[in-house]
Amino acid sequence: MTAPEVPLDDEDFVTRAQAGDLGAYEALVARHTASAYRTAVLLGAGSDAEDVIQEAFVKGYRKLSRYRGDSSFRSWLLAIVANETRNLHRSRERRNGLVLRAARVAPGTEIGEDSAVGGALAGERRATLVRALRLLPVRDREVIVCRYFLDLSEDETVAMLGWPRGTVKSRTARALAKLRGLLDDAQVSRG
């Protein structure tokens, strides 16, 4: 009788990949592609999100020897994705910063709202939220995306954005207040 197989965690895959195991890095890529894609889209890469994450995964592999394990591999990788998204914006020479696009939502993700009316209302709420996010300053948008759309912990957000913990805490609070105000204004204007 053999012991059940225990799935490897990210750190095991990273150690193997750092030792030259390409299959281990491929496993990391497979494990984190969805969150990397979501990060790129939410930070404004839009239709270029796949190119951004591909470049981020290549850079991550090249810089894997620099990964020290101070933060989770996921937050380290998402920081690269965020930087690549910023590079995309700079290359486009956009003055107004990041442009968010709503990520496609898979059918059936709205729990308890399977009717056409419920779906339409959910879509309208998402569109209102995305419009409000677009109005936030870039840094406020980044912290909201990290904490609430990507569900990163405070530590992961600190690592991804490269900001001090106090800045993450205060900017999160201020950004949420601004977002609530924008959503309240949108509610009032709709009647």
N, C-alpha and C. Protein backbone atom coordinates (compact mmCIF):
# COMPACT_ATOMS: atom_id res chain seq x y z
N MET A 1 0.84 -1.17 0.00
CA MET A 1 0.00 0.00 0.00
C MET A 1 0.89 1.24 0.00
N THR A 2 0.60 2.18 -0.89
CA THR A 2 1.40 3.39 -0.98
C THR A 2 0.66 4.55 -0.33
N ALA A 3 1.44 5.50 0.13
CA ALA A 3 0.85 6.69 0.74
C ALA A 3 0.21 7.54 -0.35
N PRO A 4 -0.88 8.23 -0.01
CA PRO A 4 -1.51 9.08 -1.03
C PRO A 4 -0.56 10.19 -1.46
N GLU A 5 -0.67 10.55 -2.72
CA GLU A 5 0.17 11.60 -3.25
C GLU A 5 -0.24 12.95 -2.68
N VAL A 6 0.73 13.71 -2.22
CA VAL A 6 0.46 15.04 -1.68
C VAL A 6 0.83 16.04 -2.76
N PRO A 7 -0.11 16.91 -3.16
CA PRO A 7 0.21 17.88 -4.21
C PRO A 7 1.31 18.84 -3.74
N LEU A 8 2.18 19.20 -4.65
CA LEU A 8 3.26 20.12 -4.33
C LEU A 8 2.71 21.53 -4.19
N ASP A 9 3.28 22.28 -3.26
CA ASP A 9 2.88 23.67 -3.16
C ASP A 9 3.81 24.51 -4.04
N ASP A 10 3.51 25.81 -4.14
CA ASP A 10 4.29 26.69 -5.01
C ASP A 10 5.77 26.66 -4.68
N GLU A 11 6.10 26.65 -3.39
CA GLU A 11 7.51 26.71 -3.00
C GLU A 11 8.27 25.48 -3.49
N ASP A 12 7.62 24.32 -3.47
CA ASP A 12 8.26 23.11 -3.98
C ASP A 12 8.52 23.24 -5.49
N PHE A 13 7.51 23.74 -6.21
CA PHE A 13 7.69 23.94 -7.65
C PHE A 13 8.76 24.98 -7.94
N VAL A 14 8.80 26.06 -7.16
CA VAL A 14 9.81 27.10 -7.36
C VAL A 14 11.20 26.52 -7.15
N THR A 15 11.38 25.75 -6.09
CA THR A 15 12.70 25.15 -5.81
C THR A 15 13.12 24.26 -6.97
N ARG A 16 12.19 23.45 -7.45
CA ARG A 16 12.51 22.57 -8.58
C ARG A 16 12.80 23.37 -9.85
N ALA A 17 12.01 24.43 -10.09
CA ALA A 17 12.23 25.26 -11.28
C ALA A 17 13.57 25.98 -11.20
N GLN A 18 13.92 26.45 -10.02
CA GLN A 18 15.21 27.13 -9.85
C GLN A 18 16.37 26.17 -10.10
N ALA A 19 16.13 24.88 -9.89
CA ALA A 19 17.15 23.86 -10.14
C ALA A 19 17.16 23.42 -11.61
N GLY A 20 16.30 24.05 -12.44
CA GLY A 20 16.31 23.76 -13.87
C GLY A 20 15.18 22.88 -14.36
N ASP A 21 14.22 22.55 -13.51
CA ASP A 21 13.09 21.70 -13.91
C ASP A 21 12.04 22.56 -14.62
N LEU A 22 12.05 22.50 -15.94
CA LEU A 22 11.12 23.30 -16.74
C LEU A 22 9.68 22.87 -16.49
N GLY A 23 9.46 21.60 -16.25
CA GLY A 23 8.11 21.09 -15.96
C GLY A 23 7.53 21.72 -14.70
N ALA A 24 8.38 21.97 -13.71
CA ALA A 24 7.92 22.60 -12.48
C ALA A 24 7.46 24.04 -12.76
N TYR A 25 8.21 24.75 -13.62
CA TYR A 25 7.79 26.11 -13.95
C TYR A 25 6.50 26.07 -14.77
N GLU A 26 6.37 25.11 -15.65
CA GLU A 26 5.12 24.96 -16.41
C GLU A 26 3.94 24.73 -15.47
N ALA A 27 4.16 23.98 -14.40
CA ALA A 27 3.10 23.75 -13.42
C ALA A 27 2.73 25.06 -12.73
N LEU A 28 3.72 25.88 -12.42
CA LEU A 28 3.45 27.20 -11.81
C LEU A 28 2.66 28.08 -12.78
N VAL A 29 3.05 28.05 -14.05
CA VAL A 29 2.33 28.82 -15.06
C VAL A 29 0.88 28.37 -15.13
N ALA A 30 0.67 27.06 -15.18
CA ALA A 30 -0.70 26.54 -15.26
C ALA A 30 -1.50 26.94 -14.02
N ARG A 31 -0.88 26.90 -12.87
CA ARG A 31 -1.56 27.20 -11.61
C ARG A 31 -1.95 28.68 -11.51
N HIS A 32 -1.16 29.58 -12.10
CA HIS A 32 -1.37 31.01 -11.88
C HIS A 32 -1.80 31.80 -13.11
N THR A 33 -2.08 31.12 -14.21
CA THR A 33 -2.48 31.82 -15.43
C THR A 33 -3.78 32.60 -15.25
N ALA A 34 -4.77 32.01 -14.62
CA ALA A 34 -6.06 32.69 -14.47
C ALA A 34 -5.93 33.97 -13.65
N SER A 35 -5.22 33.92 -12.52
CA SER A 35 -5.10 35.13 -11.70
C SER A 35 -4.21 36.16 -12.39
N ALA A 36 -3.21 35.71 -13.14
CA ALA A 36 -2.36 36.64 -13.88
C ALA A 36 -3.18 37.35 -14.96
N TYR A 37 -4.01 36.59 -15.66
CA TYR A 37 -4.85 37.17 -16.70
C TYR A 37 -5.83 38.18 -16.10
N ARG A 38 -6.47 37.78 -15.01
CA ARG A 38 -7.42 38.67 -14.34
C ARG A 38 -6.73 39.95 -13.89
N THR A 39 -5.52 39.83 -13.37
CA THR A 39 -4.75 41.01 -12.94
C THR A 39 -4.49 41.94 -14.11
N ALA A 40 -4.01 41.38 -15.21
CA ALA A 40 -3.71 42.21 -16.39
C ALA A 40 -4.96 42.91 -16.90
N VAL A 41 -6.07 42.19 -16.98
CA VAL A 41 -7.31 42.80 -17.48
C VAL A 41 -7.78 43.91 -16.53
N LEU A 42 -7.81 43.61 -15.24
CA LEU A 42 -8.32 44.59 -14.28
C LEU A 42 -7.41 45.81 -14.15
N LEU A 43 -6.14 45.65 -14.46
CA LEU A 43 -5.24 46.80 -14.41
C LEU A 43 -5.17 47.54 -15.74
N GLY A 44 -5.98 47.10 -16.71
CA GLY A 44 -6.15 47.89 -17.93
C GLY A 44 -5.50 47.36 -19.18
N ALA A 45 -5.01 46.13 -19.21
CA ALA A 45 -4.37 45.60 -20.41
C ALA A 45 -5.38 45.29 -21.50
N GLY A 46 -6.62 45.05 -21.11
CA GLY A 46 -7.68 44.79 -22.09
C GLY A 46 -7.34 43.67 -23.02
N SER A 47 -7.45 43.92 -24.31
CA SER A 47 -7.23 42.87 -25.31
C SER A 47 -5.77 42.44 -25.39
N ASP A 48 -4.87 43.19 -24.76
CA ASP A 48 -3.45 42.84 -24.74
C ASP A 48 -3.08 42.00 -23.52
N ALA A 49 -4.07 41.58 -22.73
CA ALA A 49 -3.80 40.86 -21.48
C ALA A 49 -3.00 39.58 -21.72
N GLU A 50 -3.33 38.83 -22.76
CA GLU A 50 -2.59 37.59 -23.01
C GLU A 50 -1.13 37.86 -23.31
N ASP A 51 -0.86 38.91 -24.09
CA ASP A 51 0.53 39.28 -24.38
C ASP A 51 1.25 39.71 -23.11
N VAL A 52 0.57 40.46 -22.27
CA VAL A 52 1.16 40.92 -21.01
C VAL A 52 1.53 39.73 -20.13
N ILE A 53 0.61 38.78 -19.97
CA ILE A 53 0.93 37.68 -19.07
C ILE A 53 1.99 36.76 -19.67
N GLN A 54 1.99 36.62 -20.98
CA GLN A 54 3.04 35.81 -21.60
C GLN A 54 4.41 36.43 -21.33
N GLU A 55 4.51 37.73 -21.50
CA GLU A 55 5.77 38.43 -21.22
C GLU A 55 6.13 38.34 -19.74
N ALA A 56 5.12 38.43 -18.87
CA ALA A 56 5.36 38.33 -17.43
C ALA A 56 5.88 36.95 -17.06
N PHE A 57 5.31 35.90 -17.64
CA PHE A 57 5.78 34.55 -17.33
C PHE A 57 7.21 34.33 -17.84
N VAL A 58 7.53 34.89 -19.01
CA VAL A 58 8.90 34.77 -19.53
C VAL A 58 9.87 35.51 -18.61
N LYS A 59 9.52 36.74 -18.22
CA LYS A 59 10.38 37.50 -17.31
C LYS A 59 10.49 36.81 -15.96
N GLY A 60 9.38 36.25 -15.49
CA GLY A 60 9.42 35.53 -14.23
C GLY A 60 10.39 34.36 -14.28
N TYR A 61 10.39 33.64 -15.39
CA TYR A 61 11.31 32.52 -15.53
C TYR A 61 12.76 33.00 -15.54
N ARG A 62 12.99 34.07 -16.28
CA ARG A 62 14.36 34.61 -16.36
C ARG A 62 14.85 35.13 -15.00
N LYS A 63 13.93 35.64 -14.19
CA LYS A 63 14.30 36.24 -12.90
C LYS A 63 14.05 35.30 -11.72
N LEU A 64 13.74 34.05 -12.01
CA LEU A 64 13.41 33.10 -10.96
C LEU A 64 14.53 32.95 -9.93
N SER A 65 15.76 33.10 -10.37
CA SER A 65 16.88 32.99 -9.42
C SER A 65 16.86 34.13 -8.41
N ARG A 66 16.19 35.23 -8.72
CA ARG A 66 16.11 36.38 -7.81
C ARG A 66 14.97 36.24 -6.80
N TYR A 67 14.07 35.30 -7.03
CA TYR A 67 12.96 35.09 -6.09
C TYR A 67 13.52 34.51 -4.80
N ARG A 68 13.33 35.25 -3.69
CA ARG A 68 13.90 34.87 -2.41
C ARG A 68 12.88 34.25 -1.46
N GLY A 69 11.62 34.29 -1.82
CA GLY A 69 10.61 33.71 -0.95
C GLY A 69 10.14 34.64 0.16
N ASP A 70 10.47 35.94 0.07
CA ASP A 70 10.02 36.90 1.07
C ASP A 70 8.50 37.07 1.03
N SER A 71 7.92 36.86 -0.13
CA SER A 71 6.47 36.90 -0.29
C SER A 71 6.07 35.63 -1.03
N SER A 72 4.78 35.42 -1.19
CA SER A 72 4.34 34.23 -1.91
C SER A 72 4.75 34.35 -3.38
N PHE A 73 4.92 33.21 -4.03
CA PHE A 73 5.25 33.23 -5.45
C PHE A 73 4.17 33.95 -6.23
N ARG A 74 2.91 33.73 -5.84
CA ARG A 74 1.78 34.36 -6.53
C ARG A 74 1.90 35.88 -6.50
N SER A 75 2.17 36.46 -5.34
CA SER A 75 2.26 37.92 -5.27
C SER A 75 3.49 38.42 -6.03
N TRP A 76 4.58 37.66 -5.99
CA TRP A 76 5.78 38.03 -6.74
C TRP A 76 5.48 38.04 -8.23
N LEU A 77 4.80 37.00 -8.71
CA LEU A 77 4.44 36.91 -10.12
C LEU A 77 3.45 38.01 -10.52
N LEU A 78 2.45 38.26 -9.67
CA LEU A 78 1.47 39.29 -9.99
C LEU A 78 2.10 40.68 -10.00
N ALA A 79 3.16 40.88 -9.23
CA ALA A 79 3.90 42.15 -9.30
C ALA A 79 4.53 42.30 -10.67
N ILE A 80 5.04 41.22 -11.22
CA ILE A 80 5.62 41.26 -12.58
C ILE A 80 4.52 41.56 -13.59
N VAL A 81 3.36 40.93 -13.43
CA VAL A 81 2.23 41.19 -14.32
C VAL A 81 1.83 42.66 -14.24
N ALA A 82 1.76 43.20 -13.03
CA ALA A 82 1.41 44.61 -12.85
C ALA A 82 2.43 45.52 -13.53
N ASN A 83 3.71 45.20 -13.38
CA ASN A 83 4.75 46.00 -14.02
C ASN A 83 4.66 45.91 -15.54
N GLU A 84 4.39 44.73 -16.05
CA GLU A 84 4.24 44.58 -17.50
C GLU A 84 3.02 45.35 -18.01
N THR A 85 1.97 45.39 -17.22
CA THR A 85 0.80 46.17 -17.61
C THR A 85 1.15 47.65 -17.63
N ARG A 86 1.91 48.10 -16.63
CA ARG A 86 2.35 49.50 -16.62
C ARG A 86 3.22 49.79 -17.84
N ASN A 87 4.09 48.86 -18.18
CA ASN A 87 4.94 49.04 -19.36
C ASN A 87 4.09 49.15 -20.63
N LEU A 88 3.03 48.38 -20.70
CA LEU A 88 2.12 48.46 -21.83
C LEU A 88 1.54 49.86 -21.95
N HIS A 89 1.11 50.40 -20.80
CA HIS A 89 0.52 51.74 -20.83
C HIS A 89 1.54 52.79 -21.23
N ARG A 90 2.74 52.65 -20.73
CA ARG A 90 3.78 53.62 -21.11
C ARG A 90 4.06 53.53 -22.60
N SER A 91 4.10 52.31 -23.14
CA SER A 91 4.40 52.16 -24.56
C SER A 91 3.27 52.73 -25.42
N ARG A 92 2.08 52.73 -24.91
CA ARG A 92 0.95 53.33 -25.63
C ARG A 92 0.93 54.84 -25.46
N GLU A 93 1.77 55.35 -24.57
CA GLU A 93 1.87 56.78 -24.26
C GLU A 93 0.52 57.36 -23.86
N ARG A 94 -0.14 56.65 -22.97
CA ARG A 94 -1.43 57.15 -22.49
C ARG A 94 -1.19 58.10 -21.34
N ARG A 95 -1.76 59.25 -21.43
CA ARG A 95 -1.62 60.25 -20.37
C ARG A 95 -2.58 59.99 -19.22
N ASN A 96 -3.67 59.41 -19.48
CA ASN A 96 -4.70 59.30 -18.45
C ASN A 96 -4.58 58.06 -17.59
N GLY A 97 -3.48 57.32 -17.70
CA GLY A 97 -3.27 56.17 -16.82
C GLY A 97 -3.96 54.92 -17.29
N LEU A 98 -4.25 54.08 -16.35
CA LEU A 98 -4.82 52.77 -16.66
C LEU A 98 -6.27 52.84 -17.07
N VAL A 99 -6.66 51.95 -17.98
CA VAL A 99 -8.05 51.84 -18.40
C VAL A 99 -8.51 50.43 -18.05
N LEU A 100 -9.50 50.34 -17.18
CA LEU A 100 -10.00 49.02 -16.80
C LEU A 100 -11.05 48.54 -17.79
N ARG A 101 -11.01 47.27 -18.04
CA ARG A 101 -12.08 46.64 -18.82
C ARG A 101 -12.63 45.51 -17.99
N ALA A 102 -13.89 45.36 -18.07
CA ALA A 102 -14.52 44.31 -17.27
C ALA A 102 -14.06 42.95 -17.79
N ALA A 103 -13.69 42.09 -16.87
CA ALA A 103 -13.34 40.73 -17.24
C ALA A 103 -14.63 39.99 -17.58
N ARG A 104 -14.52 39.12 -18.54
CA ARG A 104 -15.70 38.34 -18.90
C ARG A 104 -16.08 37.47 -17.73
N VAL A 105 -17.35 37.40 -17.49
CA VAL A 105 -17.84 36.57 -16.40
C VAL A 105 -18.45 35.32 -17.02
N ALA A 106 -18.01 34.21 -16.53
CA ALA A 106 -18.51 32.94 -17.06
C ALA A 106 -19.99 32.79 -16.73
N PRO A 107 -20.76 32.24 -17.64
CA PRO A 107 -22.18 32.04 -17.36
C PRO A 107 -22.35 31.16 -16.12
N GLY A 108 -23.35 31.49 -15.35
CA GLY A 108 -23.66 30.70 -14.18
C GLY A 108 -22.90 31.09 -12.93
N THR A 109 -22.16 32.19 -12.95
CA THR A 109 -21.41 32.57 -11.76
C THR A 109 -22.24 33.40 -10.80
N GLU A 110 -23.36 33.87 -11.22
CA GLU A 110 -24.23 34.63 -10.33
C GLU A 110 -25.10 33.67 -9.54
N ILE A 111 -24.77 33.44 -8.31
CA ILE A 111 -25.49 32.50 -7.47
C ILE A 111 -26.88 33.04 -7.17
N GLY A 112 -27.87 32.24 -7.43
CA GLY A 112 -29.23 32.62 -7.11
C GLY A 112 -29.85 33.63 -8.08
N GLU A 113 -29.16 34.00 -9.13
CA GLU A 113 -29.71 34.94 -10.09
C GLU A 113 -29.65 34.34 -11.49
N ASP A 114 -30.46 33.34 -11.71
CA ASP A 114 -30.41 32.67 -13.00
C ASP A 114 -31.48 33.16 -13.96
N SER A 115 -32.33 34.07 -13.53
CA SER A 115 -33.36 34.58 -14.43
C SER A 115 -32.76 35.67 -15.32
N ALA A 116 -33.42 35.95 -16.41
CA ALA A 116 -32.94 36.98 -17.33
C ALA A 116 -32.89 38.33 -16.64
N VAL A 117 -33.86 38.64 -15.81
CA VAL A 117 -33.89 39.92 -15.10
C VAL A 117 -32.72 40.00 -14.12
N GLY A 118 -32.51 38.93 -13.37
CA GLY A 118 -31.40 38.91 -12.42
C GLY A 118 -30.06 39.07 -13.12
N GLY A 119 -29.91 38.41 -14.25
CA GLY A 119 -28.68 38.53 -15.02
C GLY A 119 -28.47 39.93 -15.55
N ALA A 120 -29.54 40.55 -16.02
CA ALA A 120 -29.43 41.92 -16.52
C ALA A 120 -29.05 42.88 -15.40
N LEU A 121 -29.67 42.70 -14.23
CA LEU A 121 -29.35 43.57 -13.09
C LEU A 121 -27.90 43.37 -12.63
N ALA A 122 -27.45 42.12 -12.61
CA ALA A 122 -26.06 41.85 -12.22
C ALA A 122 -25.10 42.49 -13.21
N GLY A 123 -25.42 42.38 -14.49
CA GLY A 123 -24.58 43.00 -15.52
C GLY A 123 -24.53 44.51 -15.38
N GLU A 124 -25.68 45.09 -15.05
CA GLU A 124 -25.74 46.55 -14.85
C GLU A 124 -24.91 46.96 -13.64
N ARG A 125 -25.00 46.17 -12.56
CA ARG A 125 -24.19 46.48 -11.36
C ARG A 125 -22.71 46.38 -11.66
N ARG A 126 -22.30 45.35 -12.41
CA ARG A 126 -20.88 45.22 -12.78
C ARG A 126 -20.45 46.40 -13.63
N ALA A 127 -21.27 46.79 -14.60
CA ALA A 127 -20.91 47.91 -15.47
C ALA A 127 -20.79 49.20 -14.67
N THR A 128 -21.69 49.41 -13.72
CA THR A 128 -21.63 50.60 -12.87
C THR A 128 -20.35 50.59 -12.04
N LEU A 129 -20.00 49.44 -11.49
CA LEU A 129 -18.79 49.32 -10.69
C LEU A 129 -17.55 49.60 -11.53
N VAL A 130 -17.49 49.04 -12.73
CA VAL A 130 -16.33 49.26 -13.61
C VAL A 130 -16.22 50.74 -14.00
N ARG A 131 -17.36 51.37 -14.29
CA ARG A 131 -17.33 52.81 -14.63
C ARG A 131 -16.79 53.61 -13.44
N ALA A 132 -17.24 53.28 -12.24
CA ALA A 132 -16.76 53.99 -11.05
C ALA A 132 -15.27 53.74 -10.84
N LEU A 133 -14.81 52.52 -11.04
CA LEU A 133 -13.39 52.22 -10.90
C LEU A 133 -12.54 53.03 -11.87
N ARG A 134 -13.04 53.20 -13.08
CA ARG A 134 -12.30 53.97 -14.09
C ARG A 134 -12.11 55.42 -13.68
N LEU A 135 -12.99 55.91 -12.83
CA LEU A 135 -12.90 57.31 -12.39
C LEU A 135 -11.91 57.51 -11.25
N LEU A 136 -11.50 56.43 -10.62
CA LEU A 136 -10.55 56.54 -9.51
C LEU A 136 -9.15 56.85 -10.04
N PRO A 137 -8.34 57.55 -9.25
CA PRO A 137 -6.93 57.72 -9.63
C PRO A 137 -6.25 56.35 -9.74
N VAL A 138 -5.20 56.27 -10.52
CA VAL A 138 -4.55 55.00 -10.84
C VAL A 138 -4.16 54.22 -9.58
N ARG A 139 -3.50 54.86 -8.62
CA ARG A 139 -3.04 54.14 -7.43
C ARG A 139 -4.21 53.64 -6.59
N ASP A 140 -5.30 54.42 -6.53
CA ASP A 140 -6.49 53.96 -5.81
C ASP A 140 -7.08 52.73 -6.50
N ARG A 141 -7.11 52.78 -7.82
CA ARG A 141 -7.66 51.68 -8.60
C ARG A 141 -6.81 50.42 -8.38
N GLU A 142 -5.49 50.58 -8.38
CA GLU A 142 -4.61 49.42 -8.21
C GLU A 142 -4.84 48.73 -6.87
N VAL A 143 -4.95 49.51 -5.81
CA VAL A 143 -5.11 48.89 -4.49
C VAL A 143 -6.48 48.21 -4.37
N ILE A 144 -7.52 48.80 -4.95
CA ILE A 144 -8.85 48.18 -4.92
C ILE A 144 -8.84 46.87 -5.72
N VAL A 145 -8.24 46.90 -6.89
CA VAL A 145 -8.16 45.70 -7.72
C VAL A 145 -7.42 44.59 -6.97
N CYS A 146 -6.29 44.92 -6.35
CA CYS A 146 -5.52 43.91 -5.62
C CYS A 146 -6.31 43.32 -4.46
N ARG A 147 -6.86 44.17 -3.64
CA ARG A 147 -7.49 43.70 -2.40
C ARG A 147 -8.84 43.04 -2.63
N TYR A 148 -9.65 43.55 -3.56
CA TYR A 148 -11.03 43.08 -3.67
C TYR A 148 -11.33 42.30 -4.94
N PHE A 149 -10.70 42.62 -6.04
CA PHE A 149 -10.97 41.88 -7.27
C PHE A 149 -10.08 40.64 -7.36
N LEU A 150 -8.82 40.77 -6.92
CA LEU A 150 -7.89 39.65 -6.95
C LEU A 150 -7.85 38.92 -5.62
N ASP A 151 -8.49 39.49 -4.61
CA ASP A 151 -8.57 38.90 -3.28
C ASP A 151 -7.19 38.62 -2.70
N LEU A 152 -6.26 39.56 -2.89
CA LEU A 152 -4.93 39.42 -2.31
C LEU A 152 -4.97 39.85 -0.86
N SER A 153 -4.16 39.22 -0.05
CA SER A 153 -4.05 39.63 1.35
C SER A 153 -3.31 40.97 1.40
N GLU A 154 -3.30 41.56 2.57
CA GLU A 154 -2.57 42.82 2.73
C GLU A 154 -1.08 42.61 2.43
N ASP A 155 -0.51 41.50 2.92
CA ASP A 155 0.90 41.21 2.66
C ASP A 155 1.17 41.04 1.17
N GLU A 156 0.27 40.33 0.47
CA GLU A 156 0.45 40.13 -0.96
C GLU A 156 0.32 41.44 -1.72
N THR A 157 -0.59 42.30 -1.27
CA THR A 157 -0.76 43.61 -1.90
C THR A 157 0.49 44.46 -1.71
N VAL A 158 1.05 44.44 -0.51
CA VAL A 158 2.30 45.16 -0.23
C VAL A 158 3.40 44.68 -1.17
N ALA A 159 3.51 43.35 -1.31
CA ALA A 159 4.54 42.78 -2.17
C ALA A 159 4.29 43.11 -3.64
N MET A 160 3.04 43.01 -4.07
CA MET A 160 2.74 43.24 -5.48
C MET A 160 2.95 44.69 -5.88
N LEU A 161 2.47 45.61 -5.05
CA LEU A 161 2.56 47.03 -5.41
C LEU A 161 3.88 47.66 -4.99
N GLY A 162 4.58 47.02 -4.06
CA GLY A 162 5.85 47.57 -3.61
C GLY A 162 5.69 48.80 -2.74
N TRP A 163 4.57 48.89 -2.06
CA TRP A 163 4.29 50.04 -1.19
C TRP A 163 4.48 49.62 0.27
N PRO A 164 4.75 50.59 1.15
CA PRO A 164 4.77 50.26 2.58
C PRO A 164 3.38 49.83 3.05
N ARG A 165 3.35 49.01 4.10
CA ARG A 165 2.09 48.49 4.63
C ARG A 165 1.14 49.63 5.00
N GLY A 166 1.64 50.66 5.64
CA GLY A 166 0.79 51.79 6.03
C GLY A 166 0.15 52.47 4.84
N THR A 167 0.89 52.57 3.74
CA THR A 167 0.34 53.17 2.52
C THR A 167 -0.78 52.30 1.96
N VAL A 168 -0.59 50.99 1.97
CA VAL A 168 -1.63 50.07 1.48
C VAL A 168 -2.88 50.23 2.33
N LYS A 169 -2.71 50.27 3.65
CA LYS A 169 -3.88 50.40 4.54
C LYS A 169 -4.61 51.71 4.32
N SER A 170 -3.87 52.81 4.31
CA SER A 170 -4.53 54.11 4.20
C SER A 170 -5.12 54.33 2.82
N ARG A 171 -4.40 53.90 1.79
CA ARG A 171 -4.92 54.09 0.43
C ARG A 171 -6.14 53.21 0.20
N THR A 172 -6.16 52.02 0.78
CA THR A 172 -7.34 51.15 0.66
C THR A 172 -8.56 51.83 1.27
N ALA A 173 -8.39 52.37 2.46
CA ALA A 173 -9.51 53.04 3.13
C ALA A 173 -10.00 54.24 2.32
N ARG A 174 -9.07 55.07 1.86
CA ARG A 174 -9.46 56.26 1.08
C ARG A 174 -10.08 55.86 -0.26
N ALA A 175 -9.50 54.86 -0.91
CA ALA A 175 -10.02 54.43 -2.22
C ALA A 175 -11.42 53.85 -2.08
N LEU A 176 -11.66 53.09 -1.02
CA LEU A 176 -13.01 52.55 -0.81
C LEU A 176 -14.01 53.67 -0.57
N ALA A 177 -13.61 54.67 0.19
CA ALA A 177 -14.51 55.81 0.45
C ALA A 177 -14.82 56.53 -0.87
N LYS A 178 -13.81 56.74 -1.70
CA LYS A 178 -14.03 57.40 -3.00
C LYS A 178 -14.95 56.55 -3.88
N LEU A 179 -14.70 55.24 -3.89
CA LEU A 179 -15.51 54.35 -4.71
C LEU A 179 -16.96 54.35 -4.24
N ARG A 180 -17.16 54.30 -2.92
CA ARG A 180 -18.54 54.36 -2.40
C ARG A 180 -19.23 55.65 -2.83
N GLY A 181 -18.50 56.76 -2.75
CA GLY A 181 -19.07 58.04 -3.17
C GLY A 181 -19.46 58.03 -4.64
N LEU A 182 -18.59 57.47 -5.47
CA LEU A 182 -18.89 57.40 -6.91
C LEU A 182 -20.10 56.50 -7.17
N LEU A 183 -20.18 55.40 -6.43
CA LEU A 183 -21.31 54.49 -6.62
C LEU A 183 -22.60 55.12 -6.11
N ASP A 184 -22.52 55.87 -5.00
CA ASP A 184 -23.70 56.59 -4.51
C ASP A 184 -24.17 57.62 -5.51
N ASP A 185 -23.21 58.35 -6.11
CA ASP A 185 -23.56 59.34 -7.15
C ASP A 185 -24.21 58.66 -8.34
N ALA A 186 -23.70 57.50 -8.73
CA ALA A 186 -24.28 56.77 -9.86
C ALA A 186 -25.69 56.32 -9.54
N GLN A 187 -25.91 55.90 -8.30
CA GLN A 187 -27.25 55.46 -7.87
C GLN A 187 -28.22 56.64 -7.91
N VAL A 188 -27.79 57.80 -7.43
CA VAL A 188 -28.65 58.99 -7.41
C VAL A 188 -28.98 59.44 -8.83
N SER A 189 -27.96 59.40 -9.72
CA SER A 189 -28.21 59.86 -11.10
C SER A 189 -29.14 58.93 -11.86
N ARG A 190 -29.20 57.64 -11.46
CA ARG A 190 -30.13 56.72 -12.09
C ARG A 190 -31.53 56.87 -11.55
N GLY A 191 -31.62 57.39 -10.36
CA GLY A 191 -32.94 57.61 -9.77
C GLY A 191 -33.38 56.54 -8.95
